[in-house]
Structure formats: C-alpha cells, structure tokens
Amino acid sequence: MKKVELNILRNLSRSEKSFWELLSSSPYPLYSITHAISNLYRNNSIKVEGNLIRLTDKGKEIAGEAGNYYMVERCNKCEGKGFLPLKGFEELLKEYRKITKERPEPKLEFFQGYMRDFDVIMRVAIMDYFEDLRGKEFVLIGDDDLLSLALALTQATKRIVVLDADERIGDYIKEKAKEYGFGLEFIRYNVSNPPPKELVNSFDVFSSEPLESLSGLHAFLVRGVGCLRKNGVGYFGLTTLEASRWKWFNVEKLLLRLNCCLTDIIRDFSIYPLHYKTVHYENFVKELPFNVPDENHVNWYRSALIRLELVKHGKNHEFSKHINVKTHDRREDITYPS
C-alpha cells in the first residue's frame, strides 16, 4: 500500500474526518491525496456518511496492522508554527485588517489567492524575530497578500518596493499609501522579464509567494535573489500540495546555484482560504467518486514558509534573462479551474 493511502487510514483511525480535514492534515501532493482517497473508497477501505469519511472494517484492519504506536499531533496553541504572538501583534493585526478590508478580489488570470490576515502579520513578526525588519529595504515580487501594507504599518522599514503585474493591486497600494502617508513604491511588472536594472543588488530582503509551476518558481526566485545585496535574505512560500518533491528538489538546486542556503522551513505556516467571490479553486472535488458536501469546511490549503540567505555575492547570470512563465502545471496544480 502506498504511503499516502496508509497516512489517510492512520489519520482516520484516530477519528472520522471531513474530506477538507483530510486535505488539511496530509503532507502529500493534492493530486496524490485525491487519487488515494478515491482508491480507498473504491476498494471499500473507507466509507462516506453525510459529510464525514470513516474507516470500514477492512480499513480498520489495515490501519491496525500498520500500527499506531508512535503518533503525534501539531501544537494547537501555535498551529504548528513554533512561534506565539506577543506584544504589539494584535494591534498590528487590527490595523492591517482595517487597511485591507476593501482589497481587490483574486483574479484567475494571475492565479491569485491571499493568505489569512493572521499569517501575514505572523510573517512580519518572524522577520522581526530574525532581525530582518527594522531599518531594512524590501522588494516584494508579487503582493497578492498586501504584505507591503503590513510592513509599512510597522513604521520600522527603510524602503518597500512592490513589483506586481496586477494594476488593481498597485492602485490599491498607492491609494492606501497616500491615505496613511506611507512611502511605498509600486512598479507594474511581469516576472517573465528582467526587473529594472536599478533594482539589482539593492535590497536587504525580498519576499514572495511564487506561482508553483516550475517556470514560476524559477522566475520569482531568480528575480528575488537578484535584487539582494550582500548578505541579503529572502522569504517565500512553497506547498507540498501543489509542489511535488521534484519541484522541491529543483528549488533547492536553483538556490544553491544562486549561492543561497536555506536557514528555516516552517511547514504549514501560511493558510489560504479558497472561497472567493471571483474564482473557485475547489472544482477538483467533482472528479471524486463520491459527493463532497461543503459542511465542516476548513481552510485546508497551507504553505510552508522558507527563509534563505545569500551567502556568496556574485553575478546572477539568470537575473537578466527572459523566462517563459506558465501559471500552472496541468498535472499538479489541480486547483486551477480549467
């Protein structure tokens, strides 16, 4: 039996779960999870009753044979992040929610979505923890999450430049910057193309939530690292749901080639709601052999937060090259509603 199927059975042996809860708790790619659940359903190892998935007698037998002796669960208090919010966190979160309440809705053209408000502020807090916030110059490669406004609200940064292809985001950022007196800079930018030369080696920190196609990951990270000056750091998100182990392998190879090292990976750090007014990313459930009710819905789409450091400053030969970027890879990005 495959690891992913065994993981689902062992998970259900602890308690019955909705389909969404299973997605939220699995460390495997989304296409593998849905395929495994379908297989388990068809071979009578699991059953669906109402909005819950349960083990059958056959499933219980397989799960019991696998053994459940060494089981752990994520810390509910910190949501598995390993960090707890302290002084000033709630105030910043409150202000961020206020400043972003009229934000543009996601657009399928850019395969957009944005993380929870809490996780945006937690990213800012993590940056502060690692001394990557105060007095630093930031470049954001894409800003669906409006991290730029959260950073500006701290009044701790030296400079914030946003590069994004969506003019709606740019207009919103500029409007709020004017309203609040922030010195934010916005440049409309297609990540396929090299950034303006004056941005090369000009920033202390880059942050990005890249497209998870191979070409998208390549482009966003090459541009981000190319903007860093000596000893610069980067933050980006990467899922295990739509980025296969092969993609993770290629990301690590790319970062090594760009003279970067990974210092921290925090699994499931950022949580993305997928219920938007303008686009629906959960149509893939129609391919399952049973009906998936929307009850017991949880925010199951999660992304790891990765921190890197530029350990050797040299010429980034890929920074100035055009990169053909695909928004999604058909096999792995099954949330794309095509």
Protein backbone atom coordinates (compact mmCIF):
# COMPACT_ATOMS: atom_id res chain seq x y z
CA MET A 1 0.00 0.00 0.00
CA LYS A 2 1.27 3.48 -0.88
CA LYS A 3 2.42 5.84 1.87
CA VAL A 4 -0.28 8.38 1.13
CA GLU A 5 -3.06 5.78 1.43
CA LEU A 6 -1.60 4.45 4.67
CA ASN A 7 -1.34 8.00 6.02
CA ILE A 8 -5.05 8.57 5.33
CA LEU A 9 -6.05 5.29 7.02
CA ARG A 10 -3.95 6.00 10.10
CA ASN A 11 -5.35 9.51 10.21
CA LEU A 12 -8.92 8.20 10.13
CA SER A 13 -8.12 5.57 12.76
CA ARG A 14 -7.86 8.40 15.28
CA SER A 15 -11.20 9.95 14.34
CA GLU A 16 -13.60 10.36 11.44
CA LYS A 17 -12.94 13.45 9.34
CA SER A 18 -14.44 15.50 6.56
CA PHE A 19 -12.74 15.49 3.18
CA TRP A 20 -11.43 19.02 3.85
CA GLU A 21 -9.94 17.99 7.20
CA LEU A 22 -8.10 15.14 5.49
CA LEU A 23 -6.62 17.56 2.97
CA SER A 24 -5.57 19.88 5.78
CA SER A 25 -3.71 17.17 7.69
CA SER A 26 -1.91 15.36 4.86
CA PRO A 27 1.74 16.12 3.93
CA TYR A 28 1.41 14.81 0.36
CA PRO A 29 0.63 16.40 -3.02
CA LEU A 30 -3.03 17.18 -3.63
CA TYR A 31 -3.34 15.00 -6.74
CA SER A 32 -1.89 12.06 -4.75
CA ILE A 33 -4.28 12.63 -1.84
CA THR A 34 -7.40 12.78 -4.03
CA HIS A 35 -6.26 9.73 -6.01
CA ALA A 36 -5.58 7.79 -2.79
CA ILE A 37 -8.93 8.70 -1.24
CA SER A 38 -10.68 7.58 -4.44
CA ASN A 39 -8.80 4.26 -4.40
CA LEU A 40 -9.59 3.64 -0.72
CA TYR A 41 -13.26 4.39 -1.37
CA ARG A 42 -13.45 2.09 -4.39
CA ASN A 43 -11.74 -0.82 -2.60
CA ASN A 44 -14.05 -0.45 0.42
CA SER A 45 -11.42 0.68 2.93
CA ILE A 46 -13.30 3.89 3.70
CA LYS A 47 -16.95 4.93 3.56
CA VAL A 48 -18.70 8.28 3.37
CA GLU A 49 -21.60 9.05 5.69
CA GLY A 50 -23.04 12.53 5.39
CA ASN A 51 -20.09 14.91 5.38
CA LEU A 52 -17.69 12.58 7.18
CA ILE A 53 -15.28 9.89 5.98
CA ARG A 54 -14.90 6.82 8.19
CA LEU A 55 -12.94 3.58 8.12
CA THR A 56 -14.71 0.37 7.15
CA ASP A 57 -13.86 -2.88 8.93
CA LYS A 58 -11.37 -3.55 6.15
CA GLY A 59 -9.79 -0.14 6.64
CA LYS A 60 -9.58 -0.62 10.40
CA GLU A 61 -7.80 -3.92 9.87
CA ILE A 62 -5.22 -2.37 7.52
CA ALA A 63 -4.66 0.61 9.82
CA GLY A 64 -4.28 -1.71 12.83
CA GLU A 65 -1.72 -3.85 11.03
CA ALA A 66 0.28 -0.70 10.23
CA GLY A 67 0.46 0.15 13.93
CA ASN A 68 -0.40 3.39 15.67
CA TYR A 69 2.14 3.37 18.45
CA TYR A 70 4.14 6.49 17.71
CA MET A 71 1.63 9.22 16.93
CA VAL A 72 1.93 12.93 17.44
CA GLU A 73 -0.22 15.90 16.54
CA ARG A 74 0.57 19.51 15.73
CA CYS A 75 0.52 22.02 18.57
CA ASN A 76 -2.89 23.72 18.50
CA LYS A 77 -1.68 26.68 20.51
CA CYS A 78 0.81 27.84 17.85
CA GLU A 79 -0.79 25.98 14.89
CA GLY A 80 2.50 24.14 14.43
CA LYS A 81 4.38 27.34 13.59
CA GLY A 82 6.62 27.14 16.64
CA PHE A 83 6.05 30.83 17.43
CA LEU A 84 3.43 32.60 19.54
CA PRO A 85 2.35 36.23 19.03
CA LEU A 86 3.43 38.66 21.75
CA LYS A 87 3.33 42.39 22.43
CA GLY A 88 2.08 44.53 19.57
CA PHE A 89 0.87 41.64 17.41
CA GLU A 90 -2.87 42.12 17.95
CA GLU A 91 -2.63 45.88 17.41
CA LEU A 92 -0.81 45.40 14.10
CA LEU A 93 -3.29 42.71 13.02
CA LYS A 94 -6.21 45.02 13.79
CA GLU A 95 -4.72 47.85 11.73
CA TYR A 96 -3.88 45.50 8.86
CA ARG A 97 -7.46 44.20 8.71
CA LYS A 98 -8.69 47.78 8.62
CA ILE A 99 -6.37 48.86 5.81
CA THR A 100 -7.07 45.80 3.62
CA LYS A 101 -10.84 45.43 4.03
CA GLU A 102 -11.54 46.82 0.53
CA ARG A 103 -8.78 44.86 -1.21
CA PRO A 104 -9.20 43.62 -4.81
CA GLU A 105 -10.64 40.13 -5.17
CA PRO A 106 -8.38 37.40 -6.67
CA LYS A 107 -8.21 37.13 -10.44
CA LEU A 108 -7.78 33.79 -12.25
CA GLU A 109 -5.64 35.46 -14.93
CA PHE A 110 -2.87 35.74 -12.32
CA PHE A 111 -3.82 32.55 -10.40
CA GLN A 112 -4.22 34.74 -7.31
CA GLY A 113 -5.19 33.99 -3.75
CA TYR A 114 -4.22 35.52 -0.44
CA MET A 115 -3.33 34.09 2.94
CA ARG A 116 -5.15 34.77 6.21
CA ASP A 117 -4.58 38.16 7.82
CA PHE A 118 -3.10 36.43 10.87
CA ASP A 119 -0.44 34.70 8.78
CA VAL A 120 0.59 37.91 7.01
CA ILE A 121 1.25 39.57 10.36
CA MET A 122 2.97 36.42 11.63
CA ARG A 123 5.36 36.66 8.66
CA VAL A 124 6.18 40.24 9.63
CA ALA A 125 6.74 39.08 13.21
CA ILE A 126 9.06 36.29 12.05
CA MET A 127 11.06 38.82 10.03
CA ASP A 128 11.41 40.93 13.15
CA TYR A 129 12.48 37.85 15.15
CA PHE A 130 15.31 37.21 12.68
CA GLU A 131 16.33 40.91 12.65
CA ASP A 132 15.15 41.21 9.03
CA LEU A 133 12.68 44.06 9.55
CA ARG A 134 13.94 47.18 11.25
CA GLY A 135 15.80 49.59 9.01
CA LYS A 136 15.72 47.14 6.09
CA GLU A 137 14.96 47.76 2.42
CA PHE A 138 12.36 45.37 0.98
CA VAL A 139 11.38 44.26 -2.51
CA LEU A 140 8.21 42.18 -2.91
CA ILE A 141 7.97 40.02 -6.04
CA GLY A 142 4.18 39.99 -6.30
CA ASP A 143 1.96 41.18 -3.48
CA ASP A 144 -1.42 39.38 -3.55
CA ASP A 145 -1.24 39.27 0.25
CA LEU A 146 -0.66 43.04 0.64
CA LEU A 147 2.35 42.29 2.82
CA SER A 148 3.67 45.72 1.80
CA LEU A 149 0.92 47.42 3.80
CA ALA A 150 1.62 45.24 6.85
CA LEU A 151 5.32 46.11 6.65
CA ALA A 152 4.55 49.80 6.23
CA LEU A 153 2.25 49.77 9.27
CA THR A 154 5.19 48.77 11.49
CA GLN A 155 6.97 52.04 10.58
CA ALA A 156 10.17 50.04 11.02
CA THR A 157 11.35 49.58 7.41
CA LYS A 158 13.58 51.88 5.39
CA ARG A 159 12.11 51.21 1.94
CA ILE A 160 9.42 49.00 0.38
CA VAL A 161 9.15 48.37 -3.39
CA VAL A 162 6.35 46.23 -4.83
CA LEU A 163 6.66 44.53 -8.23
CA ASP A 164 3.35 43.14 -9.48
CA ALA A 165 1.59 42.56 -12.80
CA ASP A 166 -1.85 43.43 -11.45
CA GLU A 167 -2.59 47.14 -11.73
CA ARG A 168 -5.52 46.77 -9.32
CA ILE A 169 -3.12 45.80 -6.56
CA GLY A 170 -0.85 48.69 -7.49
CA ASP A 171 -3.72 51.18 -7.43
CA TYR A 172 -4.89 49.89 -4.04
CA ILE A 173 -1.41 50.06 -2.52
CA LYS A 174 -0.85 53.58 -3.85
CA GLU A 175 -4.26 54.72 -2.59
CA LYS A 176 -3.59 53.44 0.92
CA ALA A 177 -0.02 54.74 0.90
CA LYS A 178 -1.34 58.21 0.14
CA GLU A 179 -4.07 57.92 2.78
CA TYR A 180 -1.67 56.76 5.50
CA GLY A 181 1.40 58.71 4.42
CA PHE A 182 3.49 55.65 3.57
CA GLY A 183 6.49 55.90 1.25
CA LEU A 184 5.59 52.76 -0.72
CA GLU A 185 6.77 52.31 -4.31
CA PHE A 186 4.88 50.27 -6.91
CA ILE A 187 6.18 49.12 -10.30
CA ARG A 188 3.91 47.25 -12.69
CA TYR A 189 5.98 44.24 -13.62
CA ASN A 190 5.75 40.90 -15.43
CA VAL A 191 8.03 38.39 -13.73
CA SER A 192 8.89 36.83 -17.11
CA ASN A 193 11.03 39.88 -17.83
CA PRO A 194 14.14 41.13 -16.03
CA PRO A 195 13.38 43.82 -13.42
CA PRO A 196 14.69 47.38 -13.87
CA LYS A 197 18.48 47.45 -13.65
CA GLU A 198 18.42 49.92 -10.77
CA LEU A 199 16.87 47.22 -8.55
CA VAL A 200 19.78 44.80 -8.96
CA ASN A 201 21.64 44.14 -5.67
CA SER A 202 19.69 46.96 -3.99
CA PHE A 203 17.70 45.33 -1.17
CA ASP A 204 18.22 43.64 2.17
CA VAL A 205 15.12 41.43 1.96
CA PHE A 206 12.87 40.01 -0.72
CA SER A 207 9.56 38.27 -0.08
CA SER A 208 7.35 36.36 -2.48
CA GLU A 209 4.56 33.81 -2.79
CA PRO A 210 5.55 32.45 -6.20
CA LEU A 211 3.48 30.59 -8.74
CA GLU A 212 4.18 26.91 -8.14
CA SER A 213 4.74 25.91 -11.74
CA LEU A 214 8.41 25.00 -12.29
CA SER A 215 8.86 28.04 -14.51
CA GLY A 216 7.06 30.26 -11.99
CA LEU A 217 9.22 29.14 -9.09
CA HIS A 218 12.32 29.65 -11.22
CA ALA A 219 11.36 33.17 -12.29
CA PHE A 220 10.21 34.51 -8.91
CA LEU A 221 13.25 33.19 -7.04
CA VAL A 222 15.79 34.28 -9.64
CA ARG A 223 14.33 37.80 -9.62
CA GLY A 224 14.15 37.93 -5.83
CA VAL A 225 17.71 36.77 -5.23
CA GLY A 226 18.99 39.06 -7.98
CA CYS A 227 17.58 42.05 -6.11
CA LEU A 228 19.51 41.22 -2.93
CA ARG A 229 22.67 42.97 -1.85
CA LYS A 230 25.46 41.22 0.05
CA ASN A 231 24.18 39.12 2.99
CA GLY A 232 20.57 39.66 1.89
CA VAL A 233 17.76 37.31 2.91
CA GLY A 234 14.63 36.04 1.24
CA TYR A 235 11.25 34.70 2.35
CA PHE A 236 8.95 32.68 0.13
CA GLY A 237 6.16 30.15 0.36
CA LEU A 238 6.08 26.64 -1.06
CA THR A 239 3.40 23.98 -0.62
CA THR A 240 3.58 20.23 -0.62
CA LEU A 241 0.04 20.20 -2.01
CA GLU A 242 0.90 21.53 -5.47
CA ALA A 243 4.69 21.38 -5.46
CA SER A 244 5.94 17.84 -5.84
CA ARG A 245 9.14 16.52 -4.31
CA TRP A 246 10.66 17.00 -7.77
CA LYS A 247 9.82 20.70 -7.60
CA TRP A 248 11.26 21.00 -4.09
CA PHE A 249 14.42 19.28 -5.35
CA ASN A 250 14.70 21.73 -8.25
CA VAL A 251 14.09 24.72 -5.98
CA GLU A 252 16.92 23.62 -3.68
CA LYS A 253 19.24 23.10 -6.66
CA LEU A 254 18.36 26.54 -8.01
CA LEU A 255 19.04 28.25 -4.68
CA LEU A 256 22.41 26.54 -4.38
CA ARG A 257 23.24 27.71 -7.90
CA LEU A 258 22.28 31.24 -6.83
CA ASN A 259 24.67 31.00 -3.84
CA CYS A 260 21.89 30.76 -1.26
CA CYS A 261 21.39 28.49 1.72
CA LEU A 262 18.12 27.58 3.43
CA THR A 263 18.09 28.56 7.09
CA ASP A 264 14.50 27.75 8.06
CA ILE A 265 11.49 25.84 6.74
CA ILE A 266 8.27 26.09 8.76
CA ARG A 267 5.69 23.67 7.38
CA ASP A 268 2.07 24.83 7.04
CA PHE A 269 2.97 28.34 8.14
CA SER A 270 0.54 30.18 5.85
CA ILE A 271 -3.10 29.20 5.45
CA TYR A 272 -5.09 30.20 2.38
CA PRO A 273 -8.88 30.44 2.32
CA LEU A 274 -10.07 29.35 -1.13
CA HIS A 275 -13.61 30.73 -1.02
CA TYR A 276 -13.51 33.92 -3.08
CA LYS A 277 -16.28 35.83 -4.83
CA THR A 278 -14.47 35.89 -8.16
CA VAL A 279 -12.83 32.48 -8.54
CA HIS A 280 -13.36 29.00 -7.12
CA TYR A 281 -10.36 26.72 -6.62
CA GLU A 282 -12.10 23.60 -5.33
CA ASN A 283 -13.77 22.30 -8.50
CA PHE A 284 -11.42 19.30 -8.50
CA VAL A 285 -13.70 17.55 -5.96
CA LYS A 286 -16.13 16.87 -8.80
CA GLU A 287 -13.71 14.18 -10.01
CA LEU A 288 -14.07 12.15 -6.79
CA PRO A 289 -16.26 9.01 -6.82
CA PHE A 290 -18.48 10.42 -4.05
CA ASN A 291 -20.13 13.73 -3.24
CA VAL A 292 -18.22 16.18 -1.02
CA PRO A 293 -20.56 18.44 0.96
CA ASP A 294 -19.34 21.89 1.93
CA GLU A 295 -20.21 21.37 5.60
CA ASN A 296 -17.30 21.05 8.03
CA HIS A 297 -15.24 23.07 5.57
CA VAL A 298 -11.80 24.03 6.87
CA ASN A 299 -9.03 26.18 5.39
CA TRP A 300 -7.03 23.21 4.14
CA TYR A 301 -4.65 24.92 1.70
CA ARG A 302 -1.36 25.54 3.52
CA SER A 303 2.08 26.70 2.52
CA ALA A 304 5.50 26.33 4.15
CA LEU A 305 7.47 29.48 4.92
CA ILE A 306 11.07 29.25 3.73
CA ARG A 307 13.87 31.63 4.70
CA LEU A 308 17.12 31.82 2.74
CA GLU A 309 20.36 33.76 2.99
CA LEU A 310 22.64 34.89 0.18
CA VAL A 311 25.96 33.54 1.43
CA LYS A 312 28.16 34.45 -1.53
CA HIS A 313 27.57 37.55 -3.58
CA GLY A 314 28.30 37.11 -7.26
CA LYS A 315 26.86 37.90 -10.67
CA ASN A 316 23.41 36.37 -11.14
CA HIS A 317 23.56 35.35 -14.81
CA GLU A 318 19.87 34.34 -14.90
CA PHE A 319 18.58 37.61 -13.48
CA SER A 320 18.71 39.48 -16.79
CA LYS A 321 17.27 36.68 -18.97
CA HIS A 322 13.67 36.38 -20.16
CA ILE A 323 11.87 33.39 -18.60
CA ASN A 324 8.76 31.86 -20.15
CA VAL A 325 6.39 31.52 -17.19
CA LYS A 326 3.37 29.21 -17.05
CA THR A 327 0.76 29.99 -14.41
CA HIS A 328 0.29 26.31 -13.56
CA ASP A 329 1.43 22.77 -14.33
CA ARG A 330 -1.57 20.76 -15.50
CA ARG A 331 -0.82 17.55 -13.59
CA GLU A 332 0.00 19.03 -10.18
CA ASP A 333 -1.93 22.31 -9.94
CA ILE A 334 -5.35 20.70 -9.87
CA THR A 335 -6.90 23.65 -8.03
CA TYR A 336 -6.63 25.63 -11.28
CA PRO A 337 -10.24 25.66 -12.55
CA SER A 338 -9.59 24.75 -16.18
